[in-house]
C-alpha atoms as a PDB file:
ATOM      1  CA  MET A   1     103.332  88.517  29.900  1.00  0.00           C
ATOM      2  CA  ILE A   2     101.927  90.071  26.711  1.00  0.00           C
ATOM      3  CA  GLN A   3      98.269  89.527  26.127  1.00  0.00           C
ATOM      4  CA  VAL A   4      95.834  91.039  23.644  1.00  0.00           C
ATOM      5  CA  MET A   5      92.816  92.439  25.429  1.00  0.00           C
ATOM      6  CA  GLU A   6      89.481  92.230  23.670  1.00  0.00           C
ATOM      7  CA  GLY A   7      86.005  93.304  24.631  1.00  0.00           C
ATOM      8  CA  VAL A   8      85.085  95.614  27.469  1.00  0.00           C
ATOM      9  CA  LEU A   9      88.019  96.796  29.554  1.00  0.00           C
ATOM     10  CA  THR A  10      87.704  97.611  33.235  1.00  0.00           C
ATOM     11  CA  ARG A  11      89.918  99.951  35.210  1.00  0.00           C
ATOM     12  CA  ILE A  12      91.751  98.647  38.260  1.00  0.00           C
ATOM     13  CA  GLY A  13      89.479 100.374  40.805  1.00  0.00           C
ATOM     14  CA  GLU A  14      86.348  98.907  39.265  1.00  0.00           C
ATOM     15  CA  LEU A  15      87.919  95.440  39.076  1.00  0.00           C
ATOM     16  CA  ALA A  16      88.945  95.633  42.722  1.00  0.00           C
ATOM     17  CA  SER A  17      85.491  96.819  43.729  1.00  0.00           C
ATOM     18  CA  ARG A  18      83.709  94.079  41.788  1.00  0.00           C
ATOM     19  CA  VAL A  19      85.842  91.377  43.402  1.00  0.00           C
ATOM     20  CA  GLY A  20      86.023  92.943  46.862  1.00  0.00           C
ATOM     21  CA  VAL A  21      89.801  93.364  47.045  1.00  0.00           C
ATOM     22  CA  SER A  22      92.058  96.387  47.377  1.00  0.00           C
ATOM     23  CA  VAL A  23      93.613  97.843  44.227  1.00  0.00           C
ATOM     24  CA  ARG A  24      96.918  96.521  45.541  1.00  0.00           C
ATOM     25  CA  ALA A  25      95.769  92.942  44.907  1.00  0.00           C
ATOM     26  CA  PRO A  26      95.530  93.154  41.084  1.00  0.00           C
ATOM     27  CA  ARG A  27      98.820  95.081  40.992  1.00  0.00           C
ATOM     28  CA  SER A  28     100.467  92.377  43.081  1.00  0.00           C
ATOM     29  CA  TYR A  29      99.016  89.649  40.863  1.00  0.00           C
ATOM     30  CA  GLU A  30     100.464  91.383  37.815  1.00  0.00           C
ATOM     31  CA  GLU A  31     103.888  91.580  39.444  1.00  0.00           C
ATOM     32  CA  GLN A  32     103.702  87.810  40.002  1.00  0.00           C
ATOM     33  CA  ASP A  33     102.494  87.140  36.407  1.00  0.00           C
ATOM     34  CA  LEU A  34      99.156  85.848  37.682  1.00  0.00           C
ATOM     35  CA  LEU A  35      97.155  88.560  35.900  1.00  0.00           C
ATOM     36  CA  ALA A  36      97.665  90.706  32.814  1.00  0.00           C
ATOM     37  CA  SER A  37      96.406  94.153  31.923  1.00  0.00           C
ATOM     38  CA  ALA A  38      96.525  96.495  29.000  1.00  0.00           C
ATOM     39  CA  ARG A  39      97.387 100.156  29.386  1.00  0.00           C
ATOM     40  CA  SER A  40      95.221 103.059  28.306  1.00  0.00           C
ATOM     41  CA  THR A  41      96.792 105.926  26.385  1.00  0.00           C
ATOM     42  CA  GLY A  42      97.023 107.652  29.772  1.00  0.00           C
ATOM     43  CA  GLY A  43      98.917 104.677  31.228  1.00  0.00           C
ATOM     44  CA  GLN A  44      96.084 103.333  33.396  1.00  0.00           C
ATOM     45  CA  ARG A  45      95.706  99.599  33.830  1.00  0.00           C
ATOM     46  CA  GLN A  46      92.720  98.079  32.058  1.00  0.00           C
ATOM     47  CA  TYR A  47      91.466  94.527  32.472  1.00  0.00           C
ATOM     48  CA  PRO A  48      89.102  92.350  30.445  1.00  0.00           C
ATOM     49  CA  ASP A  49      85.858  91.211  32.089  1.00  0.00           C
ATOM     50  CA  SER A  50      87.423  87.761  32.495  1.00  0.00           C
ATOM     51  CA  ALA A  51      89.811  89.295  35.049  1.00  0.00           C
ATOM     52  CA  VAL A  52      86.989  89.285  37.615  1.00  0.00           C
ATOM     53  CA  ASP A  53      86.769  85.479  37.527  1.00  0.00           C
ATOM     54  CA  ARG A  54      90.552  85.161  37.488  1.00  0.00           C
ATOM     55  CA  VAL A  55      91.030  87.394  40.541  1.00  0.00           C
ATOM     56  CA  GLN A  56      88.276  85.500  42.373  1.00  0.00           C
ATOM     57  CA  LEU A  57      90.029  82.212  41.555  1.00  0.00           C
ATOM     58  CA  ILE A  58      93.386  83.577  42.733  1.00  0.00           C
ATOM     59  CA  GLN A  59      91.721  84.700  45.964  1.00  0.00           C
ATOM     60  CA  GLN A  60      90.173  81.248  46.442  1.00  0.00           C
ATOM     61  CA  LEU A  61      93.502  79.535  45.870  1.00  0.00           C
ATOM     62  CA  TYR A  62      95.223  81.877  48.315  1.00  0.00           C
ATOM     63  CA  SER A  63      92.476  81.259  50.875  1.00  0.00           C
ATOM     64  CA  ALA A  64      93.016  77.533  50.437  1.00  0.00           C
ATOM     65  CA  GLY A  65      96.659  78.018  51.355  1.00  0.00           C
ATOM     66  CA  LEU A  66      98.318  77.923  47.950  1.00  0.00           C
ATOM     67  CA  PRO A  67     101.272  80.281  47.627  1.00  0.00           C
ATOM     68  CA  SER A  68     101.587  82.469  44.538  1.00  0.00           C
ATOM     69  CA  ARG A  69     104.243  80.176  43.034  1.00  0.00           C
ATOM     70  CA  ALA A  70     101.880  77.186  43.144  1.00  0.00           C
ATOM     71  CA  THR A  71      99.028  79.321  41.847  1.00  0.00           C
ATOM     72  CA  LEU A  72     101.183  80.433  38.910  1.00  0.00           C
ATOM     73  CA  GLU A  73     101.921  76.781  38.094  1.00  0.00           C
ATOM     74  CA  LEU A  74      98.229  75.806  38.208  1.00  0.00           C
ATOM     75  CA  LEU A  75      96.609  78.724  36.365  1.00  0.00           C
ATOM     76  CA  PRO A  76      97.645  77.758  32.816  1.00  0.00           C
ATOM     77  CA  CYS A  77      95.453  74.672  33.108  1.00  0.00           C
ATOM     78  CA  VAL A  78      92.495  76.927  33.916  1.00  0.00           C
ATOM     79  CA  GLY A  79      93.194  79.341  31.067  1.00  0.00           C
ATOM     80  CA  THR A  80      94.025  76.924  28.270  1.00  0.00           C
ATOM     81  CA  GLY A  81      92.829  73.556  29.457  1.00  0.00           C
ATOM     82  CA  ASP A  82      96.300  72.173  28.774  1.00  0.00           C
ATOM     83  CA  VAL A  83      97.438  69.718  31.390  1.00  0.00           C
ATOM     84  CA  THR A  84     100.525  67.582  31.775  1.00  0.00           C
ATOM     85  CA  PRO A  85     100.945  64.491  33.953  1.00  0.00           C
ATOM     86  CA  VAL A  86     103.089  66.562  36.319  1.00  0.00           C
ATOM     87  CA  LEU A  87     100.376  69.224  36.568  1.00  0.00           C
ATOM     88  CA  LEU A  88      97.722  66.565  37.192  1.00  0.00           C
ATOM     89  CA  ASP A  89      99.838  65.187  40.019  1.00  0.00           C
ATOM     90  CA  ARG A  90     100.187  68.699  41.455  1.00  0.00           C
ATOM     91  CA  LEU A  91      96.441  69.339  41.209  1.00  0.00           C
ATOM     92  CA  SER A  92      95.729  66.012  42.928  1.00  0.00           C
ATOM     93  CA  ALA A  93      98.215  66.750  45.705  1.00  0.00           C
ATOM     94  CA  GLU A  94      96.692  70.177  46.335  1.00  0.00           C
ATOM     95  CA  ARG A  95      93.191  68.666  46.378  1.00  0.00           C
ATOM     96  CA  ASP A  96      94.325  66.056  48.902  1.00  0.00           C
ATOM     97  CA  ARG A  97      95.889  68.760  51.076  1.00  0.00           C
ATOM     98  CA  ILE A  98      92.666  70.777  50.954  1.00  0.00           C
ATOM     99  CA  ASP A  99      90.624  67.639  51.785  1.00  0.00           C
ATOM    100  CA  ALA A 100      92.740  67.197  54.914  1.00  0.00           C
ATOM    101  CA  GLN A 101      92.138  70.834  55.865  1.00  0.00           C
ATOM    102  CA  VAL A 102      88.397  70.410  55.339  1.00  0.00           C
ATOM    103  CA  SER A 103      88.392  67.312  57.540  1.00  0.00           C
ATOM    104  CA  THR A 104      90.199  69.162  60.315  1.00  0.00           C
ATOM    105  CA  LEU A 105      87.832  72.130  60.013  1.00  0.00           C
ATOM    106  CA  VAL A 106      84.770  69.853  60.186  1.00  0.00           C
ATOM    107  CA  LYS A 107      86.112  68.247  63.383  1.00  0.00           C
ATOM    108  CA  THR A 108      86.737  71.683  64.865  1.00  0.00           C
ATOM    109  CA  ARG A 109      83.249  72.844  63.900  1.00  0.00           C
ATOM    110  CA  ASP A 110      81.747  69.716  65.475  1.00  0.00           C
ATOM    111  CA  TRP A 111      83.670  70.481  68.694  1.00  0.00           C
ATOM    112  CA  PHE A 112      82.270  74.025  68.695  1.00  0.00           C
ATOM    113  CA  ASP A 113      78.747  72.679  68.090  1.00  0.00           C
ATOM    114  CA  ALA A 114      79.085  70.364  71.098  1.00  0.00           C
ATOM    115  CA  ILE A 115      80.342  73.180  73.343  1.00  0.00           C
ATOM    116  CA  ILE A 116      77.591  75.538  72.156  1.00  0.00           C
ATOM    117  CA  THR A 117      74.914  72.905  72.789  1.00  0.00           C
ATOM    118  CA  THR A 118      76.277  72.094  76.249  1.00  0.00           C
ATOM    119  CA  ALA A 119      76.655  75.770  77.201  1.00  0.00           C
ATOM    120  CA  SER A 120      73.194  76.673  75.871  1.00  0.00           C
ATOM    121  CA  THR A 121      71.548  73.810  77.765  1.00  0.00           C
ATOM    122  CA  ALA A 122      73.330  74.783  80.986  1.00  0.00           C
ATOM    123  CA  ARG A 123      72.456  78.446  80.588  1.00  0.00           C
ATOM    124  CA  SER A 124      68.787  77.658  79.896  1.00  0.00           C
ATOM    125  CA  ALA A 125      68.711  75.598  83.106  1.00  0.00           C
ATOM    126  CA  GLY A 126      70.350  78.429  85.048  1.00  0.00           C
ATOM    127  CA  ARG A 127      73.546  76.450  85.625  1.00  0.00           C
ATOM    128  CA  PRO A 128      77.116  77.457  84.844  1.00  0.00           C
ATOM    129  CA  CYS A 129      78.793  75.956  81.845  1.00  0.00           C
ATOM    130  CA  PRO A 130      80.381  72.607  82.790  1.00  0.00           C
ATOM    131  CA  ARG A 131      84.157  72.471  82.690  1.00  0.00           C
END
């Protein structure tokens, strides 16, 4: 992917530090065409300030369970705003999948809340936690 870099350029270590990832993450993203860098005359990777937001988005998508292939398919919409009916369907399907995950997580959190409340009440009364 060839991309003209304008504005302030950040080295890979600073980018990684700002986002809270290892330097391996941006390198990996480049290998998967998720991120682009320019090279300094010394051959060091340099990223535009917008790379911080892009790496954060990639991290969020990975955390939500999207594999790199799906992320690669979805990122052009973010960068250009261009969207096709197929991409809209994909975005909707991913949102629905994430909604299901959120629902499951909320139920699990509610279960933990109930156990914590029960255990705390029992402990305050000097009783063992009910089974």
